[in-house]
Amino acid sequence: GSKKLTKHIRNMQKKYNFLAFVSLEEHMSCGIGACKGCVRKTKDGYKRVCKEGPVFPVEEVIFND
């Protein structure tokens, strides 16, 4: 979903302590991970949405305000 919705889900997950996954939306130029145009920051570093995702545990995603 949108970045705003994803962040809202993360805030709810912190408050109510439930398992949640999010499907991230990023522009995927090549679709195979070569261009690295779809990277998102996670607790384990940057990950390519087209290769390692698009679904991630919400607690792994880093949100920049």
PDB file of N, CA and C in Angstrom:
ATOM      1  N   GLY A   1       0.799  -1.183   0.000  1.00  0.00           N
ATOM      2  CA  GLY A   1       0.000   0.000   0.000  1.00  0.00           C
ATOM      3  C   GLY A   1       0.846   1.253   0.000  1.00  0.00           C
ATOM      4  N   SER A   2       0.216   2.371   0.214  1.00  0.00           N
ATOM      5  CA  SER A   2       0.920   3.648   0.216  1.00  0.00           C
ATOM      6  C   SER A   2       1.853   3.739   1.416  1.00  0.00           C
ATOM      7  N   LYS A   3       2.820   4.642   1.333  1.00  0.00           N
ATOM      8  CA  LYS A   3       3.763   4.822   2.444  1.00  0.00           C
ATOM      9  C   LYS A   3       3.041   5.298   3.696  1.00  0.00           C
ATOM     10  N   LYS A   4       2.032   6.131   3.522  1.00  0.00           N
ATOM     11  CA  LYS A   4       1.264   6.629   4.668  1.00  0.00           C
ATOM     12  C   LYS A   4       0.515   5.481   5.355  1.00  0.00           C
ATOM     13  N   LEU A   5      -0.121   4.622   4.579  1.00  0.00           N
ATOM     14  CA  LEU A   5      -0.849   3.481   5.134  1.00  0.00           C
ATOM     15  C   LEU A   5       0.111   2.490   5.794  1.00  0.00           C
ATOM     16  N   THR A   6       1.241   2.241   5.151  1.00  0.00           N
ATOM     17  CA  THR A   6       2.240   1.333   5.709  1.00  0.00           C
ATOM     18  C   THR A   6       2.737   1.824   7.060  1.00  0.00           C
ATOM     19  N   LYS A   7       2.995   3.106   7.165  1.00  0.00           N
ATOM     20  CA  LYS A   7       3.451   3.680   8.432  1.00  0.00           C
ATOM     21  C   LYS A   7       2.353   3.572   9.496  1.00  0.00           C
ATOM     22  N   HIS A   8       1.111   3.775   9.103  1.00  0.00           N
ATOM     23  CA  HIS A   8      -0.011   3.650  10.043  1.00  0.00           C
ATOM     24  C   HIS A   8      -0.110   2.213  10.570  1.00  0.00           C
ATOM     25  N   ILE A   9       0.065   1.238   9.693  1.00  0.00           N
ATOM     26  CA  ILE A   9       0.038  -0.163  10.114  1.00  0.00           C
ATOM     27  C   ILE A   9       1.168  -0.436  11.097  1.00  0.00           C
ATOM     28  N   ARG A  10       2.344   0.110  10.847  1.00  0.00           N
ATOM     29  CA  ARG A  10       3.476  -0.075  11.766  1.00  0.00           C
ATOM     30  C   ARG A  10       3.156   0.511  13.139  1.00  0.00           C
ATOM     31  N   ASN A  11       2.574   1.694  13.179  1.00  0.00           N
ATOM     32  CA  ASN A  11       2.208   2.308  14.460  1.00  0.00           C
ATOM     33  C   ASN A  11       1.181   1.461  15.205  1.00  0.00           C
ATOM     34  N   MET A  12       0.206   0.907  14.485  1.00  0.00           N
ATOM     35  CA  MET A  12      -0.797   0.032  15.101  1.00  0.00           C
ATOM     36  C   MET A  12      -0.138  -1.249  15.621  1.00  0.00           C
ATOM     37  N   GLN A  13       0.797  -1.791  14.850  1.00  0.00           N
ATOM     38  CA  GLN A  13       1.485  -3.018  15.234  1.00  0.00           C
ATOM     39  C   GLN A  13       2.295  -2.803  16.513  1.00  0.00           C
ATOM     40  N   LYS A  14       2.947  -1.654  16.634  1.00  0.00           N
ATOM     41  CA  LYS A  14       3.695  -1.338  17.858  1.00  0.00           C
ATOM     42  C   LYS A  14       2.758  -1.238  19.063  1.00  0.00           C
ATOM     43  N   LYS A  15       1.612  -0.610  18.855  1.00  0.00           N
ATOM     44  CA  LYS A  15       0.666  -0.379  19.949  1.00  0.00           C
ATOM     45  C   LYS A  15      -0.003  -1.668  20.417  1.00  0.00           C
ATOM     46  N   TYR A  16      -0.433  -2.524  19.472  1.00  0.00           N
ATOM     47  CA  TYR A  16      -1.219  -3.708  19.811  1.00  0.00           C
ATOM     48  C   TYR A  16      -0.452  -5.030  19.708  1.00  0.00           C
ATOM     49  N   ASN A  17       0.810  -4.969  19.287  1.00  0.00           N
ATOM     50  CA  ASN A  17       1.695  -6.134  19.249  1.00  0.00           C
ATOM     51  C   ASN A  17       1.094  -7.321  18.483  1.00  0.00           C
ATOM     52  N   PHE A  18       0.883  -7.148  17.194  1.00  0.00           N
ATOM     53  CA  PHE A  18       0.402  -8.231  16.339  1.00  0.00           C
ATOM     54  C   PHE A  18       1.335  -8.394  15.145  1.00  0.00           C
ATOM     55  N   LEU A  19       1.314  -9.557  14.528  1.00  0.00           N
ATOM     56  CA  LEU A  19       2.141  -9.849  13.368  1.00  0.00           C
ATOM     57  C   LEU A  19       1.537  -9.166  12.144  1.00  0.00           C
ATOM     58  N   ALA A  20       2.346  -8.412  11.430  1.00  0.00           N
ATOM     59  CA  ALA A  20       1.843  -7.704  10.250  1.00  0.00           C
ATOM     60  C   ALA A  20       2.896  -7.704   9.147  1.00  0.00           C
ATOM     61  N   PHE A  21       2.424  -7.827   7.936  1.00  0.00           N
ATOM     62  CA  PHE A  21       3.274  -7.746   6.756  1.00  0.00           C
ATOM     63  C   PHE A  21       2.727  -6.639   5.864  1.00  0.00           C
ATOM     64  N   VAL A  22       3.616  -5.997   5.114  1.00  0.00           N
ATOM     65  CA  VAL A  22       3.188  -4.950   4.194  1.00  0.00           C
ATOM     66  C   VAL A  22       3.740  -5.242   2.803  1.00  0.00           C
ATOM     67  N   SER A  23       2.970  -4.896   1.816  1.00  0.00           N
ATOM     68  CA  SER A  23       3.403  -4.999   0.431  1.00  0.00           C
ATOM     69  C   SER A  23       3.796  -3.596  -0.012  1.00  0.00           C
ATOM     70  N   LEU A  24       5.085  -3.409  -0.278  1.00  0.00           N
ATOM     71  CA  LEU A  24       5.599  -2.079  -0.584  1.00  0.00           C
ATOM     72  C   LEU A  24       5.439  -1.746  -2.059  1.00  0.00           C
ATOM     73  N   GLU A  25       5.173  -0.484  -2.314  1.00  0.00           N
ATOM     74  CA  GLU A  25       5.049   0.016  -3.682  1.00  0.00           C
ATOM     75  C   GLU A  25       6.242   0.907  -3.978  1.00  0.00           C
ATOM     76  N   GLU A  26       7.040   0.505  -4.925  1.00  0.00           N
ATOM     77  CA  GLU A  26       8.167   1.306  -5.392  1.00  0.00           C
ATOM     78  C   GLU A  26       8.222   1.194  -6.905  1.00  0.00           C
ATOM     79  N   HIS A  27       8.799   2.198  -7.545  1.00  0.00           N
ATOM     80  CA  HIS A  27       8.998   2.149  -8.988  1.00  0.00           C
ATOM     81  C   HIS A  27      10.026   1.061  -9.286  1.00  0.00           C
ATOM     82  N   MET A  28       9.677   0.114 -10.133  1.00  0.00           N
ATOM     83  CA  MET A  28      10.572  -0.994 -10.458  1.00  0.00           C
ATOM     84  C   MET A  28      10.972  -0.898 -11.922  1.00  0.00           C
ATOM     85  N   SER A  29      12.084  -0.243 -12.173  1.00  0.00           N
ATOM     86  CA  SER A  29      12.525  -0.005 -13.547  1.00  0.00           C
ATOM     87  C   SER A  29      12.847  -1.286 -14.301  1.00  0.00           C
ATOM     88  N   CYS A  30      13.724  -2.116 -13.737  1.00  0.00           N
ATOM     89  CA  CYS A  30      14.152  -3.308 -14.475  1.00  0.00           C
ATOM     90  C   CYS A  30      13.382  -4.562 -14.069  1.00  0.00           C
ATOM     91  N   GLY A  31      12.913  -4.625 -12.822  1.00  0.00           N
ATOM     92  CA  GLY A  31      12.161  -5.778 -12.345  1.00  0.00           C
ATOM     93  C   GLY A  31      12.996  -6.988 -11.969  1.00  0.00           C
ATOM     94  N   ILE A  32      14.331  -6.883 -12.088  1.00  0.00           N
ATOM     95  CA  ILE A  32      15.201  -8.014 -11.728  1.00  0.00           C
ATOM     96  C   ILE A  32      16.245  -7.637 -10.677  1.00  0.00           C
ATOM     97  N   GLY A  33      16.220  -6.425 -10.181  1.00  0.00           N
ATOM     98  CA  GLY A  33      17.124  -6.008  -9.116  1.00  0.00           C
ATOM     99  C   GLY A  33      18.443  -5.418  -9.560  1.00  0.00           C
ATOM    100  N   ALA A  34      18.701  -5.386 -10.847  1.00  0.00           N
ATOM    101  CA  ALA A  34      19.987  -4.899 -11.344  1.00  0.00           C
ATOM    102  C   ALA A  34      20.158  -3.390 -11.198  1.00  0.00           C
ATOM    103  N   CYS A  35      19.106  -2.630 -11.405  1.00  0.00           N
ATOM    104  CA  CYS A  35      19.225  -1.164 -11.399  1.00  0.00           C
ATOM    105  C   CYS A  35      19.183  -0.569  -9.994  1.00  0.00           C
ATOM    106  N   LYS A  36      18.664  -1.318  -9.033  1.00  0.00           N
ATOM    107  CA  LYS A  36      18.519  -0.879  -7.640  1.00  0.00           C
ATOM    108  C   LYS A  36      17.684   0.397  -7.514  1.00  0.00           C
ATOM    109  N   GLY A  37      16.717   0.550  -8.404  1.00  0.00           N
ATOM    110  CA  GLY A  37      15.829   1.704  -8.367  1.00  0.00           C
ATOM    111  C   GLY A  37      14.663   1.547  -7.407  1.00  0.00           C
ATOM    112  N   CYS A  38      14.496   0.354  -6.849  1.00  0.00           N
ATOM    113  CA  CYS A  38      13.339   0.084  -5.995  1.00  0.00           C
ATOM    114  C   CYS A  38      13.735  -0.216  -4.551  1.00  0.00           C
ATOM    115  N   VAL A  39      14.914   0.220  -4.122  1.00  0.00           N
ATOM    116  CA  VAL A  39      15.385  -0.135  -2.778  1.00  0.00           C
ATOM    117  C   VAL A  39      14.608   0.598  -1.690  1.00  0.00           C
ATOM    118  N   ARG A  40      14.426  -0.101  -0.563  1.00  0.00           N
ATOM    119  CA  ARG A  40      13.828   0.476   0.648  1.00  0.00           C
ATOM    120  C   ARG A  40      14.737   0.148   1.811  1.00  0.00           C
ATOM    121  N   LYS A  41      14.840   1.074   2.744  1.00  0.00           N
ATOM    122  CA  LYS A  41      15.673   0.883   3.921  1.00  0.00           C
ATOM    123  C   LYS A  41      14.957  -0.030   4.907  1.00  0.00           C
ATOM    124  N   THR A  42      15.695  -1.044   5.399  1.00  0.00           N
ATOM    125  CA  THR A  42      15.162  -1.969   6.396  1.00  0.00           C
ATOM    126  C   THR A  42      16.161  -2.072   7.547  1.00  0.00           C
ATOM    127  N   LYS A  43      15.784  -2.787   8.575  1.00  0.00           N
ATOM    128  CA  LYS A  43      16.680  -2.981   9.720  1.00  0.00           C
ATOM    129  C   LYS A  43      17.954  -3.719   9.324  1.00  0.00           C
ATOM    130  N   ASP A  44      17.899  -4.488   8.243  1.00  0.00           N
ATOM    131  CA  ASP A  44      19.060  -5.244   7.760  1.00  0.00           C
ATOM    132  C   ASP A  44      19.749  -4.561   6.588  1.00  0.00           C
ATOM    133  N   GLY A  45      19.563  -3.265   6.438  1.00  0.00           N
ATOM    134  CA  GLY A  45      20.136  -2.534   5.312  1.00  0.00           C
ATOM    135  C   GLY A  45      19.102  -2.318   4.221  1.00  0.00           C
ATOM    136  N   TYR A  46      19.566  -1.902   3.067  1.00  0.00           N
ATOM    137  CA  TYR A  46      18.660  -1.651   1.954  1.00  0.00           C
ATOM    138  C   TYR A  46      18.318  -2.959   1.253  1.00  0.00           C
ATOM    139  N   LYS A  47      17.037  -3.109   0.900  1.00  0.00           N
ATOM    140  CA  LYS A  47      16.579  -4.299   0.180  1.00  0.00           C
ATOM    141  C   LYS A  47      15.842  -3.872  -1.077  1.00  0.00           C
ATOM    142  N   ARG A  48      15.969  -4.682  -2.115  1.00  0.00           N
ATOM    143  CA  ARG A  48      15.292  -4.419  -3.387  1.00  0.00           C
ATOM    144  C   ARG A  48      13.863  -4.947  -3.306  1.00  0.00           C
ATOM    145  N   VAL A  49      12.903  -4.066  -3.524  1.00  0.00           N
ATOM    146  CA  VAL A  49      11.495  -4.454  -3.445  1.00  0.00           C
ATOM    147  C   VAL A  49      11.166  -5.499  -4.509  1.00  0.00           C
ATOM    148  N   CYS A  50      11.768  -5.388  -5.681  1.00  0.00           N
ATOM    149  CA  CYS A  50      11.452  -6.331  -6.763  1.00  0.00           C
ATOM    150  C   CYS A  50      12.061  -7.712  -6.553  1.00  0.00           C
ATOM    151  N   LYS A  51      13.100  -7.839  -5.753  1.00  0.00           N
ATOM    152  CA  LYS A  51      13.761  -9.133  -5.546  1.00  0.00           C
ATOM    153  C   LYS A  51      13.492  -9.713  -4.160  1.00  0.00           C
ATOM    154  N   GLU A  52      13.776  -8.964  -3.106  1.00  0.00           N
ATOM    155  CA  GLU A  52      13.587  -9.451  -1.743  1.00  0.00           C
ATOM    156  C   GLU A  52      12.159  -9.252  -1.254  1.00  0.00           C
ATOM    157  N   GLY A  53      11.374  -8.511  -1.965  1.00  0.00           N
ATOM    158  CA  GLY A  53       9.996  -8.219  -1.598  1.00  0.00           C
ATOM    159  C   GLY A  53       9.051  -8.658  -2.693  1.00  0.00           C
ATOM    160  N   PRO A  54       7.924  -8.020  -2.821  1.00  0.00           N
ATOM    161  CA  PRO A  54       7.532  -6.741  -2.233  1.00  0.00           C
ATOM    162  C   PRO A  54       6.948  -6.836  -0.829  1.00  0.00           C
ATOM    163  N   VAL A  55       6.779  -8.065  -0.308  1.00  0.00           N
ATOM    164  CA  VAL A  55       6.164  -8.219   1.015  1.00  0.00           C
ATOM    165  C   VAL A  55       7.257  -8.346   2.074  1.00  0.00           C
ATOM    166  N   PHE A  56       7.138  -7.506   3.119  1.00  0.00           N
ATOM    167  CA  PHE A  56       8.100  -7.488   4.215  1.00  0.00           C
ATOM    168  C   PHE A  56       7.356  -7.456   5.547  1.00  0.00           C
ATOM    169  N   PRO A  57       7.937  -8.043   6.602  1.00  0.00           N
ATOM    170  CA  PRO A  57       7.373  -7.827   7.938  1.00  0.00           C
ATOM    171  C   PRO A  57       7.444  -6.336   8.255  1.00  0.00           C
ATOM    172  N   VAL A  58       6.366  -5.766   8.725  1.00  0.00           N
ATOM    173  CA  VAL A  58       6.301  -4.317   8.911  1.00  0.00           C
ATOM    174  C   VAL A  58       7.353  -3.815   9.896  1.00  0.00           C
ATOM    175  N   GLU A  59       7.745  -4.639  10.867  1.00  0.00           N
ATOM    176  CA  GLU A  59       8.723  -4.172  11.850  1.00  0.00           C
ATOM    177  C   GLU A  59      10.131  -4.060  11.263  1.00  0.00           C
ATOM    178  N   GLU A  60      10.376  -4.626  10.081  1.00  0.00           N
ATOM    179  CA  GLU A  60      11.687  -4.528   9.439  1.00  0.00           C
ATOM    180  C   GLU A  60      11.856  -3.251   8.622  1.00  0.00           C
ATOM    181  N   VAL A  61      10.761  -2.629   8.221  1.00  0.00           N
ATOM    182  CA  VAL A  61      10.817  -1.463   7.342  1.00  0.00           C
ATOM    183  C   VAL A  61      11.151  -0.212   8.154  1.00  0.00           C
ATOM    184  N   ILE A  62      12.119   0.564   7.671  1.00  0.00           N
ATOM    185  CA  ILE A  62      12.494   1.829   8.305  1.00  0.00           C
ATOM    186  C   ILE A  62      11.725   2.949   7.616  1.00  0.00           C
ATOM    187  N   PHE A  63      11.072   3.785   8.419  1.00  0.00           N
ATOM    188  CA  PHE A  63      10.293   4.897   7.885  1.00  0.00           C
ATOM    189  C   PHE A  63      11.029   6.202   8.130  1.00  0.00           C
ATOM    190  N   ASN A  64      11.227   6.958   7.075  1.00  0.00           N
ATOM    191  CA  ASN A  64      11.837   8.283   7.182  1.00  0.00           C
ATOM    192  C   ASN A  64      10.740   9.319   7.106  1.00  0.00           C
ATOM    193  N   ASP A  65      10.610  10.109   8.150  1.00  0.00           N
ATOM    194  CA  ASP A  65       9.561  11.141   8.168  1.00  0.00           C
ATOM    195  C   ASP A  65       9.987  12.377   7.427  1.00  0.00           C
TER     196      ASP A  65
END
